[in-house]
């Protein structure tokens, strides 16, 4: 089963009280085409989701990320954490925004053991 835009409405519309979130849904021809979701922690905004119909709308991912950053910087945010890059393509996308630093992280994989 593929996800549909409505799967993401709760993330944008039902935010926990007392937490500083940035989120928005973008519509093209009255249909959901993209959304972002990020959380502010002091002077850093942590971007958790930037999902678009990128095959249908070229540069929509860049547009909504810039929109998010503009909104966050208006509210006093000084830096943005764009998160990890699971693929080279995602890493290339994020590097377009001229990062000032990079944290190397490692995946920890566990193999369940059979209990005896």
PDB file of N, CA and C in Angstrom:
ATOM      1  N   UNK A   1       0.835  -1.188   0.000  1.00  0.00           N
ATOM      2  CA  UNK A   1       0.000   0.000   0.000  1.00  0.00           C
ATOM      3  C   UNK A   1       0.881   1.253   0.000  1.00  0.00           C
ATOM      4  N   UNK A   2       0.562   2.167  -0.872  1.00  0.00           N
ATOM      5  CA  UNK A   2       1.267   3.442  -0.905  1.00  0.00           C
ATOM      6  C   UNK A   2       0.577   4.427   0.028  1.00  0.00           C
ATOM      7  N   UNK A   3       1.344   5.357   0.534  1.00  0.00           N
ATOM      8  CA  UNK A   3       0.737   6.372   1.382  1.00  0.00           C
ATOM      9  C   UNK A   3       0.019   7.394   0.515  1.00  0.00           C
ATOM     10  N   UNK A   4      -0.913   8.063   1.126  1.00  0.00           N
ATOM     11  CA  UNK A   4      -1.663   9.134   0.471  1.00  0.00           C
ATOM     12  C   UNK A   4      -1.457  10.401   1.285  1.00  0.00           C
ATOM     13  N   UNK A   5      -1.651  11.582   0.691  1.00  0.00           N
ATOM     14  CA  UNK A   5      -1.400  12.833   1.419  1.00  0.00           C
ATOM     15  C   UNK A   5      -2.106  12.921   2.767  1.00  0.00           C
ATOM     16  N   UNK A   6      -3.297  12.367   2.853  1.00  0.00           N
ATOM     17  CA  UNK A   6      -4.048  12.450   4.109  1.00  0.00           C
ATOM     18  C   UNK A   6      -3.343  11.748   5.260  1.00  0.00           C
ATOM     19  N   UNK A   7      -2.424  10.824   4.954  1.00  0.00           N
ATOM     20  CA  UNK A   7      -1.665  10.144   6.011  1.00  0.00           C
ATOM     21  C   UNK A   7      -0.840  11.116   6.835  1.00  0.00           C
ATOM     22  N   UNK A   8      -0.506  12.256   6.268  1.00  0.00           N
ATOM     23  CA  UNK A   8       0.388  13.209   6.921  1.00  0.00           C
ATOM     24  C   UNK A   8      -0.333  14.397   7.551  1.00  0.00           C
ATOM     25  N   UNK A   9      -1.634  14.477   7.418  1.00  0.00           N
ATOM     26  CA  UNK A   9      -2.366  15.621   7.954  1.00  0.00           C
ATOM     27  C   UNK A   9      -2.208  15.759   9.467  1.00  0.00           C
ATOM     28  N   UNK A  10      -2.225  14.647  10.201  1.00  0.00           N
ATOM     29  CA  UNK A  10      -2.119  14.729  11.659  1.00  0.00           C
ATOM     30  C   UNK A  10      -0.797  15.338  12.104  1.00  0.00           C
ATOM     31  N   UNK A  11       0.282  15.014  11.421  1.00  0.00           N
ATOM     32  CA  UNK A  11       1.601  15.568  11.777  1.00  0.00           C
ATOM     33  C   UNK A  11       1.578  17.092  11.703  1.00  0.00           C
ATOM     34  N   UNK A  12       0.826  17.625  10.754  1.00  0.00           N
ATOM     35  CA  UNK A  12       0.786  19.065  10.554  1.00  0.00           C
ATOM     36  C   UNK A  12      -0.291  19.715  11.418  1.00  0.00           C
ATOM     37  N   UNK A  13      -1.442  19.084  11.527  1.00  0.00           N
ATOM     38  CA  UNK A  13      -2.588  19.717  12.174  1.00  0.00           C
ATOM     39  C   UNK A  13      -2.734  19.451  13.663  1.00  0.00           C
ATOM     40  N   UNK A  14      -2.180  18.360  14.174  1.00  0.00           N
ATOM     41  CA  UNK A  14      -2.329  18.016  15.581  1.00  0.00           C
ATOM     42  C   UNK A  14      -0.971  18.064  16.279  1.00  0.00           C
ATOM     43  N   UNK A  15      -0.555  19.243  16.639  1.00  0.00           N
ATOM     44  CA  UNK A  15       0.762  19.417  17.252  1.00  0.00           C
ATOM     45  C   UNK A  15       0.639  19.350  18.773  1.00  0.00           C
ATOM     46  N   UNK A  16       1.607  18.720  19.432  1.00  0.00           N
ATOM     47  CA  UNK A  16       1.573  18.679  20.895  1.00  0.00           C
ATOM     48  C   UNK A  16       1.708  20.084  21.494  1.00  0.00           C
ATOM     49  N   UNK A  17       0.998  20.319  22.571  1.00  0.00           N
ATOM     50  CA  UNK A  17       1.070  21.616  23.237  1.00  0.00           C
ATOM     51  C   UNK A  17       2.446  21.799  23.871  1.00  0.00           C
ATOM     52  N   UNK A  18       2.933  23.017  23.862  1.00  0.00           N
ATOM     53  CA  UNK A  18       4.185  23.343  24.524  1.00  0.00           C
ATOM     54  C   UNK A  18       5.434  23.010  23.736  1.00  0.00           C
ATOM     55  N   UNK A  19       5.289  22.557  22.506  1.00  0.00           N
ATOM     56  CA  UNK A  19       6.448  22.236  21.671  1.00  0.00           C
ATOM     57  C   UNK A  19       6.432  23.178  20.483  1.00  0.00           C
ATOM     58  N   UNK A  20       7.602  23.703  20.133  1.00  0.00           N
ATOM     59  CA  UNK A  20       7.696  24.680  19.053  1.00  0.00           C
ATOM     60  C   UNK A  20       7.964  23.969  17.729  1.00  0.00           C
ATOM     61  N   UNK A  21       6.906  23.761  16.956  1.00  0.00           N
ATOM     62  CA  UNK A  21       7.001  23.069  15.676  1.00  0.00           C
ATOM     63  C   UNK A  21       6.795  24.037  14.521  1.00  0.00           C
ATOM     64  N   UNK A  22       7.375  23.686  13.399  1.00  0.00           N
ATOM     65  CA  UNK A  22       7.105  24.364  12.139  1.00  0.00           C
ATOM     66  C   UNK A  22       6.568  23.300  11.196  1.00  0.00           C
ATOM     67  N   UNK A  23       5.425  23.546  10.607  1.00  0.00           N
ATOM     68  CA  UNK A  23       4.883  22.582   9.663  1.00  0.00           C
ATOM     69  C   UNK A  23       3.931  23.287   8.716  1.00  0.00           C
ATOM     70  N   UNK A  24       3.831  22.747   7.517  1.00  0.00           N
ATOM     71  CA  UNK A  24       2.925  23.320   6.536  1.00  0.00           C
ATOM     72  C   UNK A  24       2.669  22.305   5.435  1.00  0.00           C
ATOM     73  N   UNK A  25       1.475  22.376   4.860  1.00  0.00           N
ATOM     74  CA  UNK A  25       1.122  21.585   3.688  1.00  0.00           C
ATOM     75  C   UNK A  25       0.996  22.554   2.518  1.00  0.00           C
ATOM     76  N   UNK A  26       1.543  22.183   1.380  1.00  0.00           N
ATOM     77  CA  UNK A  26       1.489  23.016   0.186  1.00  0.00           C
ATOM     78  C   UNK A  26       0.590  22.343  -0.848  1.00  0.00           C
ATOM     79  N   UNK A  27      -0.280  23.139  -1.434  1.00  0.00           N
ATOM     80  CA  UNK A  27      -1.243  22.637  -2.406  1.00  0.00           C
ATOM     81  C   UNK A  27      -0.927  23.183  -3.797  1.00  0.00           C
ATOM     82  N   UNK A  28      -1.129  22.351  -4.789  1.00  0.00           N
ATOM     83  CA  UNK A  28      -1.041  22.761  -6.183  1.00  0.00           C
ATOM     84  C   UNK A  28      -2.355  22.328  -6.828  1.00  0.00           C
ATOM     85  N   UNK A  29      -3.055  23.277  -7.411  1.00  0.00           N
ATOM     86  CA  UNK A  29      -4.376  22.996  -7.996  1.00  0.00           C
ATOM     87  C   UNK A  29      -5.297  22.333  -6.977  1.00  0.00           C
ATOM     88  N   UNK A  30      -5.261  22.846  -5.749  1.00  0.00           N
ATOM     89  CA  UNK A  30      -6.109  22.405  -4.643  1.00  0.00           C
ATOM     90  C   UNK A  30      -5.862  20.965  -4.202  1.00  0.00           C
ATOM     91  N   UNK A  31      -4.711  20.394  -4.576  1.00  0.00           N
ATOM     92  CA  UNK A  31      -4.354  19.040  -4.150  1.00  0.00           C
ATOM     93  C   UNK A  31      -3.048  19.110  -3.363  1.00  0.00           C
ATOM     94  N   UNK A  32      -2.929  18.353  -2.262  1.00  0.00           N
ATOM     95  CA  UNK A  32      -1.675  18.364  -1.505  1.00  0.00           C
ATOM     96  C   UNK A  32      -0.511  17.898  -2.383  1.00  0.00           C
ATOM     97  N   UNK A  33       0.566  18.682  -2.380  1.00  0.00           N
ATOM     98  CA  UNK A  33       1.728  18.348  -3.203  1.00  0.00           C
ATOM     99  C   UNK A  33       3.008  18.253  -2.381  1.00  0.00           C
ATOM    100  N   UNK A  34       2.984  18.784  -1.147  1.00  0.00           N
ATOM    101  CA  UNK A  34       4.205  18.777  -0.338  1.00  0.00           C
ATOM    102  C   UNK A  34       3.867  19.131   1.103  1.00  0.00           C
ATOM    103  N   UNK A  35       4.772  18.735   2.004  1.00  0.00           N
ATOM    104  CA  UNK A  35       4.670  19.215   3.378  1.00  0.00           C
ATOM    105  C   UNK A  35       6.040  19.148   4.035  1.00  0.00           C
ATOM    106  N   UNK A  36       6.182  19.969   5.077  1.00  0.00           N
ATOM    107  CA  UNK A  36       7.386  19.895   5.901  1.00  0.00           C
ATOM    108  C   UNK A  36       6.989  19.860   7.359  1.00  0.00           C
ATOM    109  N   UNK A  37       7.920  19.349   8.157  1.00  0.00           N
ATOM    110  CA  UNK A  37       7.711  19.262   9.598  1.00  0.00           C
ATOM    111  C   UNK A  37       9.070  19.408  10.267  1.00  0.00           C
ATOM    112  N   UNK A  38       9.173  20.340  11.200  1.00  0.00           N
ATOM    113  CA  UNK A  38      10.434  20.584  11.896  1.00  0.00           C
ATOM    114  C   UNK A  38      10.142  21.017  13.322  1.00  0.00           C
ATOM    115  N   UNK A  39      11.143  20.856  14.179  1.00  0.00           N
ATOM    116  CA  UNK A  39      11.010  21.225  15.588  1.00  0.00           C
ATOM    117  C   UNK A  39      12.135  22.178  15.964  1.00  0.00           C
ATOM    118  N   UNK A  40      11.778  23.174  16.739  1.00  0.00           N
ATOM    119  CA  UNK A  40      12.776  24.120  17.234  1.00  0.00           C
ATOM    120  C   UNK A  40      13.292  23.659  18.582  1.00  0.00           C
ATOM    121  N   UNK A  41      14.606  23.689  18.734  1.00  0.00           N
ATOM    122  CA  UNK A  41      15.249  23.419  20.017  1.00  0.00           C
ATOM    123  C   UNK A  41      16.243  24.550  20.223  1.00  0.00           C
ATOM    124  N   UNK A  42      15.851  25.502  21.030  1.00  0.00           N
ATOM    125  CA  UNK A  42      16.624  26.721  21.271  1.00  0.00           C
ATOM    126  C   UNK A  42      16.856  27.457  19.955  1.00  0.00           C
ATOM    127  N   UNK A  43      18.109  27.603  19.517  1.00  0.00           N
ATOM    128  CA  UNK A  43      18.375  28.382  18.309  1.00  0.00           C
ATOM    129  C   UNK A  43      18.572  27.510  17.066  1.00  0.00           C
ATOM    130  N   UNK A  44      18.161  26.239  17.146  1.00  0.00           N
ATOM    131  CA  UNK A  44      18.318  25.323  16.019  1.00  0.00           C
ATOM    132  C   UNK A  44      16.953  24.754  15.637  1.00  0.00           C
ATOM    133  N   UNK A  45      16.678  24.722  14.353  1.00  0.00           N
ATOM    134  CA  UNK A  45      15.488  24.041  13.863  1.00  0.00           C
ATOM    135  C   UNK A  45      15.949  22.706  13.282  1.00  0.00           C
ATOM    136  N   UNK A  46      15.299  21.629  13.728  1.00  0.00           N
ATOM    137  CA  UNK A  46      15.624  20.274  13.281  1.00  0.00           C
ATOM    138  C   UNK A  46      14.558  19.841  12.279  1.00  0.00           C
ATOM    139  N   UNK A  47      14.954  19.667  11.030  1.00  0.00           N
ATOM    140  CA  UNK A  47      14.023  19.315   9.964  1.00  0.00           C
ATOM    141  C   UNK A  47      13.843  17.800   9.957  1.00  0.00           C
ATOM    142  N   UNK A  48      12.617  17.357  10.213  1.00  0.00           N
ATOM    143  CA  UNK A  48      12.321  15.931  10.266  1.00  0.00           C
ATOM    144  C   UNK A  48      11.714  15.413   8.969  1.00  0.00           C
ATOM    145  N   UNK A  49      10.988  16.257   8.263  1.00  0.00           N
ATOM    146  CA  UNK A  49      10.336  15.802   7.034  1.00  0.00           C
ATOM    147  C   UNK A  49      10.252  16.940   6.038  1.00  0.00           C
ATOM    148  N   UNK A  50      10.548  16.610   4.802  1.00  0.00           N
ATOM    149  CA  UNK A  50      10.410  17.525   3.674  1.00  0.00           C
ATOM    150  C   UNK A  50       9.996  16.625   2.509  1.00  0.00           C
ATOM    151  N   UNK A  51       8.710  16.395   2.379  1.00  0.00           N
ATOM    152  CA  UNK A  51       8.207  15.449   1.390  1.00  0.00           C
ATOM    153  C   UNK A  51       7.431  16.183   0.299  1.00  0.00           C
ATOM    154  N   UNK A  52       7.739  15.857  -0.944  1.00  0.00           N
ATOM    155  CA  UNK A  52       7.064  16.506  -2.065  1.00  0.00           C
ATOM    156  C   UNK A  52       6.798  15.506  -3.182  1.00  0.00           C
ATOM    157  N   UNK A  53       5.946  15.913  -4.092  1.00  0.00           N
ATOM    158  CA  UNK A  53       5.765  15.187  -5.344  1.00  0.00           C
ATOM    159  C   UNK A  53       6.812  15.725  -6.317  1.00  0.00           C
ATOM    160  N   UNK A  54       8.055  15.432  -6.020  1.00  0.00           N
ATOM    161  CA  UNK A  54       9.173  16.036  -6.747  1.00  0.00           C
ATOM    162  C   UNK A  54       9.231  15.639  -8.207  1.00  0.00           C
ATOM    163  N   UNK A  55       8.698  14.473  -8.548  1.00  0.00           N
ATOM    164  CA  UNK A  55       8.692  14.070  -9.952  1.00  0.00           C
ATOM    165  C   UNK A  55       7.687  14.869 -10.774  1.00  0.00           C
ATOM    166  N   UNK A  56       6.702  15.422 -10.092  1.00  0.00           N
ATOM    167  CA  UNK A  56       5.683  16.222 -10.781  1.00  0.00           C
ATOM    168  C   UNK A  56       5.985  17.721 -10.750  1.00  0.00           C
ATOM    169  N   UNK A  57       6.686  18.172  -9.706  1.00  0.00           N
ATOM    170  CA  UNK A  57       6.931  19.600  -9.533  1.00  0.00           C
ATOM    171  C   UNK A  57       8.412  19.823  -9.247  1.00  0.00           C
ATOM    172  N   UNK A  58       9.142  20.183 -10.261  1.00  0.00           N
ATOM    173  CA  UNK A  58      10.578  20.388 -10.139  1.00  0.00           C
ATOM    174  C   UNK A  58      10.870  21.526  -9.164  1.00  0.00           C
ATOM    175  N   UNK A  59      11.834  21.332  -8.316  1.00  0.00           N
ATOM    176  CA  UNK A  59      12.306  22.294  -7.317  1.00  0.00           C
ATOM    177  C   UNK A  59      11.318  22.564  -6.188  1.00  0.00           C
ATOM    178  N   UNK A  60      10.276  21.776  -6.070  1.00  0.00           N
ATOM    179  CA  UNK A  60       9.331  21.979  -4.971  1.00  0.00           C
ATOM    180  C   UNK A  60       9.982  21.670  -3.627  1.00  0.00           C
ATOM    181  N   UNK A  61      10.847  20.665  -3.566  1.00  0.00           N
ATOM    182  CA  UNK A  61      11.551  20.352  -2.313  1.00  0.00           C
ATOM    183  C   UNK A  61      12.383  21.540  -1.849  1.00  0.00           C
ATOM    184  N   UNK A  62      13.109  22.153  -2.775  1.00  0.00           N
ATOM    185  CA  UNK A  62      13.918  23.328  -2.419  1.00  0.00           C
ATOM    186  C   UNK A  62      13.022  24.480  -1.965  1.00  0.00           C
ATOM    187  N   UNK A  63      11.928  24.693  -2.681  1.00  0.00           N
ATOM    188  CA  UNK A  63      11.027  25.794  -2.353  1.00  0.00           C
ATOM    189  C   UNK A  63      10.478  25.672  -0.939  1.00  0.00           C
ATOM    190  N   UNK A  64       9.980  24.480  -0.584  1.00  0.00           N
ATOM    191  CA  UNK A  64       9.373  24.379   0.745  1.00  0.00           C
ATOM    192  C   UNK A  64      10.430  24.406   1.850  1.00  0.00           C
ATOM    193  N   UNK A  65      11.625  23.895   1.576  1.00  0.00           N
ATOM    194  CA  UNK A  65      12.681  23.974   2.585  1.00  0.00           C
ATOM    195  C   UNK A  65      13.090  25.428   2.814  1.00  0.00           C
ATOM    196  N   UNK A  66      13.205  26.203   1.766  1.00  0.00           N
ATOM    197  CA  UNK A  66      13.517  27.630   1.913  1.00  0.00           C
ATOM    198  C   UNK A  66      12.394  28.338   2.666  1.00  0.00           C
ATOM    199  N   UNK A  67      11.151  27.988   2.368  1.00  0.00           N
ATOM    200  CA  UNK A  67      10.009  28.571   3.092  1.00  0.00           C
ATOM    201  C   UNK A  67      10.119  28.270   4.587  1.00  0.00           C
ATOM    202  N   UNK A  68      10.401  27.014   4.919  1.00  0.00           N
ATOM    203  CA  UNK A  68      10.563  26.623   6.321  1.00  0.00           C
ATOM    204  C   UNK A  68      11.681  27.429   6.983  1.00  0.00           C
ATOM    205  N   UNK A  69      12.825  27.508   6.343  1.00  0.00           N
ATOM    206  CA  UNK A  69      13.963  28.223   6.937  1.00  0.00           C
ATOM    207  C   UNK A  69      13.657  29.701   7.118  1.00  0.00           C
ATOM    208  N   UNK A  70      12.982  30.314   6.172  1.00  0.00           N
ATOM    209  CA  UNK A  70      12.603  31.721   6.322  1.00  0.00           C
ATOM    210  C   UNK A  70      11.692  31.919   7.528  1.00  0.00           C
ATOM    211  N   UNK A  71      10.703  31.038   7.683  1.00  0.00           N
ATOM    212  CA  UNK A  71       9.796  31.130   8.830  1.00  0.00           C
ATOM    213  C   UNK A  71      10.555  30.944  10.149  1.00  0.00           C
ATOM    214  N   UNK A  72      11.453  29.968  10.174  1.00  0.00           N
ATOM    215  CA  UNK A  72      12.215  29.700  11.398  1.00  0.00           C
ATOM    216  C   UNK A  72      13.148  30.861  11.731  1.00  0.00           C
ATOM    217  N   UNK A  73      13.841  31.403  10.750  1.00  0.00           N
ATOM    218  CA  UNK A  73      14.785  32.500  10.999  1.00  0.00           C
ATOM    219  C   UNK A  73      14.047  33.760  11.455  1.00  0.00           C
ATOM    220  N   UNK A  74      12.821  33.977  10.977  1.00  0.00           N
ATOM    221  CA  UNK A  74      12.007  35.113  11.440  1.00  0.00           C
ATOM    222  C   UNK A  74      11.735  35.001  12.937  1.00  0.00           C
ATOM    223  N   UNK A  75      11.692  33.765  13.453  1.00  0.00           N
ATOM    224  CA  UNK A  75      11.387  33.533  14.872  1.00  0.00           C
ATOM    225  C   UNK A  75      12.643  33.354  15.713  1.00  0.00           C
ATOM    226  N   UNK A  76      13.797  33.767  15.180  1.00  0.00           N
ATOM    227  CA  UNK A  76      15.019  33.765  15.971  1.00  0.00           C
ATOM    228  C   UNK A  76      15.905  32.550  15.857  1.00  0.00           C
ATOM    229  N   UNK A  77      15.550  31.602  15.024  1.00  0.00           N
ATOM    230  CA  UNK A  77      16.405  30.439  14.816  1.00  0.00           C
ATOM    231  C   UNK A  77      17.682  30.895  14.120  1.00  0.00           C
ATOM    232  N   UNK A  78      18.816  30.343  14.534  1.00  0.00           N
ATOM    233  CA  UNK A  78      20.117  30.733  13.967  1.00  0.00           C
ATOM    234  C   UNK A  78      20.715  29.674  13.050  1.00  0.00           C
ATOM    235  N   UNK A  79      20.338  28.404  13.254  1.00  0.00           N
ATOM    236  CA  UNK A  79      20.899  27.303  12.466  1.00  0.00           C
ATOM    237  C   UNK A  79      19.810  26.293  12.154  1.00  0.00           C
ATOM    238  N   UNK A  80      20.069  25.508  11.108  1.00  0.00           N
ATOM    239  CA  UNK A  80      19.145  24.445  10.740  1.00  0.00           C
ATOM    240  C   UNK A  80      19.898  23.122  10.668  1.00  0.00           C
ATOM    241  N   UNK A  81      19.309  22.098  11.250  1.00  0.00           N
ATOM    242  CA  UNK A  81      19.832  20.736  11.170  1.00  0.00           C
ATOM    243  C   UNK A  81      18.968  20.014  10.142  1.00  0.00           C
ATOM    244  N   UNK A  82      19.545  19.730   8.974  1.00  0.00           N
ATOM    245  CA  UNK A  82      18.780  19.073   7.916  1.00  0.00           C
ATOM    246  C   UNK A  82      18.732  17.564   8.070  1.00  0.00           C
ATOM    247  N   UNK A  83      19.370  17.046   9.090  1.00  0.00           N
ATOM    248  CA  UNK A  83      19.293  15.627   9.378  1.00  0.00           C
ATOM    249  C   UNK A  83      20.222  14.785   8.522  1.00  0.00           C
ATOM    250  N   UNK A  84      20.070  13.480   8.644  1.00  0.00           N
ATOM    251  CA  UNK A  84      20.945  12.540   7.962  1.00  0.00           C
ATOM    252  C   UNK A  84      20.622  12.380   6.493  1.00  0.00           C
ATOM    253  N   UNK A  85      21.548  11.751   5.799  1.00  0.00           N
ATOM    254  CA  UNK A  85      21.377  11.466   4.372  1.00  0.00           C
ATOM    255  C   UNK A  85      21.591   9.980   4.159  1.00  0.00           C
ATOM    256  N   UNK A  86      20.501   9.270   3.941  1.00  0.00           N
ATOM    257  CA  UNK A  86      20.588   7.832   3.763  1.00  0.00           C
ATOM    258  C   UNK A  86      21.080   7.446   2.372  1.00  0.00           C
ATOM    259  N   UNK A  87      21.014   8.382   1.434  1.00  0.00           N
ATOM    260  CA  UNK A  87      21.457   8.106   0.066  1.00  0.00           C
ATOM    261  C   UNK A  87      22.354   9.239  -0.420  1.00  0.00           C
ATOM    262  N   UNK A  88      23.132   8.974  -1.450  1.00  0.00           N
ATOM    263  CA  UNK A  88      23.987  10.007  -2.040  1.00  0.00           C
ATOM    264  C   UNK A  88      23.136  11.136  -2.618  1.00  0.00           C
ATOM    265  N   UNK A  89      22.012  10.795  -3.249  1.00  0.00           N
ATOM    266  CA  UNK A  89      21.130  11.812  -3.815  1.00  0.00           C
ATOM    267  C   UNK A  89      20.603  12.761  -2.752  1.00  0.00           C
ATOM    268  N   UNK A  90      20.226  12.238  -1.594  1.00  0.00           N
ATOM    269  CA  UNK A  90      19.745  13.078  -0.501  1.00  0.00           C
ATOM    270  C   UNK A  90      20.879  13.935   0.052  1.00  0.00           C
ATOM    271  N   UNK A  91      22.071  13.357   0.150  1.00  0.00           N
ATOM    272  CA  UNK A  91      23.233  14.120   0.595  1.00  0.00           C
ATOM    273  C   UNK A  91      23.538  15.256  -0.382  1.00  0.00           C
ATOM    274  N   UNK A  92      23.503  14.976  -1.675  1.00  0.00           N
ATOM    275  CA  UNK A  92      23.734  16.012  -2.692  1.00  0.00           C
ATOM    276  C   UNK A  92      22.694  17.121  -2.581  1.00  0.00           C
ATOM    277  N   UNK A  93      21.434  16.740  -2.368  1.00  0.00           N
ATOM    278  CA  UNK A  93      20.364  17.737  -2.215  1.00  0.00           C
ATOM    279  C   UNK A  93      20.666  18.675  -1.046  1.00  0.00           C
ATOM    280  N   UNK A  94      21.027  18.121   0.094  1.00  0.00           N
ATOM    281  CA  UNK A  94      21.264  18.936   1.289  1.00  0.00           C
ATOM    282  C   UNK A  94      22.516  19.802   1.157  1.00  0.00           C
ATOM    283  N   UNK A  95      23.504  19.330   0.446  1.00  0.00           N
ATOM    284  CA  UNK A  95      24.737  20.104   0.261  1.00  0.00           C
ATOM    285  C   UNK A  95      24.514  21.362  -0.573  1.00  0.00           C
ATOM    286  N   UNK A  96      23.434  21.412  -1.344  1.00  0.00           N
ATOM    287  CA  UNK A  96      23.121  22.619  -2.124  1.00  0.00           C
ATOM    288  C   UNK A  96      22.914  23.828  -1.219  1.00  0.00           C
ATOM    289  N   UNK A  97      22.594  23.573   0.040  1.00  0.00           N
ATOM    290  CA  UNK A  97      22.293  24.664   0.967  1.00  0.00           C
ATOM    291  C   UNK A  97      23.531  25.130   1.730  1.00  0.00           C
ATOM    292  N   UNK A  98      24.708  24.724   1.277  1.00  0.00           N
ATOM    293  CA  UNK A  98      26.004  25.189   1.803  1.00  0.00           C
ATOM    294  C   UNK A  98      26.128  24.964   3.315  1.00  0.00           C
ATOM    295  N   UNK A  99      26.218  23.710   3.755  1.00  0.00           N
ATOM    296  CA  UNK A  99      26.326  23.441   5.195  1.00  0.00           C
ATOM    297  C   UNK A  99      27.595  24.039   5.797  1.00  0.00           C
ATOM    298  N   UNK A 100      27.485  24.455   7.051  1.00  0.00           N
ATOM    299  CA  UNK A 100      28.649  24.999   7.761  1.00  0.00           C
ATOM    300  C   UNK A 100      29.362  23.908   8.551  1.00  0.00           C
ATOM    301  N   UNK A 101      28.775  22.725   8.622  1.00  0.00           N
ATOM    302  CA  UNK A 101      29.384  21.614   9.341  1.00  0.00           C
ATOM    303  C   UNK A 101      28.670  20.326   9.012  1.00  0.00           C
ATOM    304  N   UNK A 102      29.315  19.240   9.389  1.00  0.00           N
ATOM    305  CA  UNK A 102      28.725  17.925   9.156  1.00  0.00           C
ATOM    306  C   UNK A 102      29.101  17.012  10.310  1.00  0.00           C
ATOM    307  N   UNK A 103      28.121  16.329  10.854  1.00  0.00           N
ATOM    308  CA  UNK A 103      28.355  15.344  11.901  1.00  0.00           C
ATOM    309  C   UNK A 103      28.240  13.962  11.296  1.00  0.00           C
ATOM    310  N   UNK A 104      29.278  13.178  11.438  1.00  0.00           N
ATOM    311  CA  UNK A 104      29.252  11.806  10.937  1.00  0.00           C
ATOM    312  C   UNK A 104      28.543  10.940  11.963  1.00  0.00           C
ATOM    313  N   UNK A 105      27.547  10.194  11.496  1.00  0.00           N
ATOM    314  CA  UNK A 105      26.811   9.302  12.389  1.00  0.00           C
ATOM    315  C   UNK A 105      26.875   7.898  11.823  1.00  0.00           C
ATOM    316  N   UNK A 106      26.690   6.939  12.662  1.00  0.00           N
ATOM    317  CA  UNK A 106      26.746   5.550  12.258  1.00  0.00           C
ATOM    318  C   UNK A 106      25.456   4.844  12.641  1.00  0.00           C
ATOM    319  N   UNK A 107      25.047   3.918  11.799  1.00  0.00           N
ATOM    320  CA  UNK A 107      23.884   3.099  12.097  1.00  0.00           C
ATOM    321  C   UNK A 107      24.328   1.933  12.976  1.00  0.00           C
ATOM    322  N   UNK A 108      23.586   1.663  13.990  1.00  0.00           N
ATOM    323  CA  UNK A 108      23.831   0.496  14.836  1.00  0.00           C
ATOM    324  C   UNK A 108      22.791  -0.550  14.478  1.00  0.00           C
ATOM    325  N   UNK A 109      23.253  -1.672  13.994  1.00  0.00           N
ATOM    326  CA  UNK A 109      22.363  -2.740  13.579  1.00  0.00           C
ATOM    327  C   UNK A 109      22.409  -3.885  14.581  1.00  0.00           C
ATOM    328  N   UNK A 110      21.259  -4.418  14.881  1.00  0.00           N
ATOM    329  CA  UNK A 110      21.186  -5.522  15.830  1.00  0.00           C
ATOM    330  C   UNK A 110      20.500  -6.705  15.177  1.00  0.00           C
ATOM    331  N   UNK A 111      21.002  -7.881  15.480  1.00  0.00           N
ATOM    332  CA  UNK A 111      20.388  -9.113  14.996  1.00  0.00           C
ATOM    333  C   UNK A 111      19.731  -9.781  16.192  1.00  0.00           C
ATOM    334  N   UNK A 112      18.417  -9.983  16.108  1.00  0.00           N
ATOM    335  CA  UNK A 112      17.745 -10.634  17.237  1.00  0.00           C
ATOM    336  C   UNK A 112      18.327 -12.026  17.475  1.00  0.00           C
ATOM    337  N   UNK A 113      18.506 -12.342  18.722  1.00  0.00           N
ATOM    338  CA  UNK A 113      19.012 -13.678  19.055  1.00  0.00           C
ATOM    339  C   UNK A 113      17.854 -14.551  19.488  1.00  0.00           C
ATOM    340  N   UNK A 114      18.021 -15.818  19.231  1.00  0.00           N
ATOM    341  CA  UNK A 114      16.988 -16.772  19.595  1.00  0.00           C
ATOM    342  C   UNK A 114      17.142 -17.121  21.072  1.00  0.00           C
ATOM    343  N   UNK A 115      16.073 -16.956  21.831  1.00  0.00           N
ATOM    344  CA  UNK A 115      16.137 -17.298  23.257  1.00  0.00           C
ATOM    345  C   UNK A 115      16.006 -18.794  23.429  1.00  0.00           C
ATOM    346  N   UNK A 116      16.770 -19.329  24.380  1.00  0.00           N
ATOM    347  CA  UNK A 116      16.735 -20.769  24.611  1.00  0.00           C
ATOM    348  C   UNK A 116      16.173 -21.089  25.964  1.00  0.00           C
TER     349      UNK A 116
END
